[in-house]
């Protein structure tokens, strides 16, 4: 789900096109879930991940919106690391950041 702060590069548009072509129901379901979360009174953060990899924890990842510097992959361990940190820091409350390399 694109955000106003996103500045997608060509590969982001291409991946979005492929997802809409090959898994449109998944994309629509995901968007509906995000809208339901946004409409709730809960404190929430929806983390958008690129392709998750079964690789080791590096501890060096970036968190921002889709941009020229956002990567196309992240280890599951680093994704979990970001979520655990965010549970206490709450820097991205009510936002949809992207965590990637």
Protein backbone atom coordinates (compact mmCIF):
# COMPACT_ATOMS: atom_id res chain seq x y z
CA UNK A 1 0.00 0.00 0.00
CA UNK A 2 1.70 3.18 -1.17
CA UNK A 3 2.08 6.09 1.21
CA UNK A 4 2.28 9.81 0.34
CA UNK A 5 5.90 9.81 1.54
CA UNK A 6 6.88 6.98 -0.83
CA UNK A 7 9.12 7.73 -3.79
CA UNK A 8 9.18 4.39 -5.62
CA UNK A 9 11.88 3.59 -8.14
CA UNK A 10 11.35 1.55 -11.31
CA UNK A 11 11.84 -1.84 -9.63
CA UNK A 12 9.19 -0.94 -7.01
CA UNK A 13 6.68 -0.14 -9.76
CA UNK A 14 7.61 -3.34 -11.59
CA UNK A 15 7.21 -5.53 -8.49
CA UNK A 16 3.88 -3.85 -7.75
CA UNK A 17 2.75 -4.54 -11.32
CA UNK A 18 3.73 -8.21 -11.02
CA UNK A 19 2.00 -8.60 -7.66
CA UNK A 20 -1.20 -7.06 -9.02
CA UNK A 21 -0.99 -9.33 -12.05
CA UNK A 22 -0.14 -12.59 -10.29
CA UNK A 23 -1.58 -12.18 -6.79
CA UNK A 24 -4.25 -9.49 -7.01
CA UNK A 25 -6.40 -11.11 -4.29
CA UNK A 26 -3.46 -11.05 -1.87
CA UNK A 27 -2.76 -7.38 -2.65
CA UNK A 28 -6.42 -6.41 -2.16
CA UNK A 29 -6.68 -8.44 1.05
CA UNK A 30 -3.53 -6.81 2.41
CA UNK A 31 -4.81 -3.32 1.57
CA UNK A 32 -8.13 -4.07 3.29
CA UNK A 33 -6.30 -5.27 6.40
CA UNK A 34 -4.19 -2.11 6.52
CA UNK A 35 -7.30 0.07 6.19
CA UNK A 36 -8.99 -1.81 9.05
CA UNK A 37 -5.91 -1.35 11.23
CA UNK A 38 -5.71 2.36 10.38
CA UNK A 39 -9.39 2.83 11.24
CA UNK A 40 -8.96 1.25 14.68
CA UNK A 41 -8.37 3.06 17.96
CA UNK A 42 -5.28 0.92 18.58
CA UNK A 43 -1.68 2.05 18.64
CA UNK A 44 -0.32 0.42 15.50
CA UNK A 45 2.61 0.20 13.13
CA UNK A 46 2.41 -1.68 9.84
CA UNK A 47 5.90 -2.67 8.76
CA UNK A 48 6.35 -3.17 5.03
CA UNK A 49 9.05 -5.64 4.16
CA UNK A 50 10.69 -6.47 0.85
CA UNK A 51 11.62 -10.09 0.11
CA UNK A 52 12.43 -11.73 3.44
CA UNK A 53 15.51 -13.94 3.44
CA UNK A 54 16.62 -16.81 5.66
CA UNK A 55 19.99 -15.21 6.34
CA UNK A 56 21.76 -14.16 9.50
CA UNK A 57 21.07 -11.13 11.65
CA UNK A 58 23.24 -8.22 10.49
CA UNK A 59 21.82 -5.47 12.66
CA UNK A 60 22.41 -3.00 9.82
CA UNK A 61 19.21 -2.12 8.03
CA UNK A 62 17.41 1.06 7.13
CA UNK A 63 13.90 2.12 8.02
CA UNK A 64 12.13 4.77 5.99
CA UNK A 65 9.57 4.85 3.20
CA UNK A 66 9.90 3.40 -0.29
CA UNK A 67 12.66 5.39 -1.95
CA UNK A 68 15.74 5.21 -4.12
CA UNK A 69 17.69 3.97 -1.12
CA UNK A 70 15.26 1.25 0.03
CA UNK A 71 16.41 -2.25 -0.79
CA UNK A 72 14.67 -5.32 -2.15
CA UNK A 73 15.46 -7.73 0.67
CA UNK A 74 15.88 -8.14 4.42
CA UNK A 75 16.66 -11.08 6.68
CA UNK A 76 13.84 -12.34 8.85
CA UNK A 77 16.14 -11.86 11.86
CA UNK A 78 16.63 -8.17 11.07
CA UNK A 79 12.90 -7.77 10.49
CA UNK A 80 12.25 -9.21 13.94
CA UNK A 81 14.99 -6.96 15.37
CA UNK A 82 13.23 -3.88 14.04
CA UNK A 83 9.85 -4.95 15.45
CA UNK A 84 11.31 -5.66 18.90
CA UNK A 85 13.03 -2.26 19.00
CA UNK A 86 9.92 -0.50 17.76
CA UNK A 87 7.80 -2.00 20.56
CA UNK A 88 9.67 0.21 23.01
CA UNK A 89 10.78 3.15 20.86
CA UNK A 90 7.45 3.76 19.05
CA UNK A 91 9.15 6.04 16.46
CA UNK A 92 6.83 4.84 13.68
CA UNK A 93 3.50 4.90 15.54
CA UNK A 94 0.55 5.05 13.09
CA UNK A 95 2.87 4.85 10.08
CA UNK A 96 3.85 2.31 7.42
CA UNK A 97 7.65 2.21 7.25
CA UNK A 98 9.79 -0.05 5.07
CA UNK A 99 12.67 -1.95 6.69
CA UNK A 100 15.31 -3.13 4.20
CA UNK A 101 19.01 -3.29 3.37
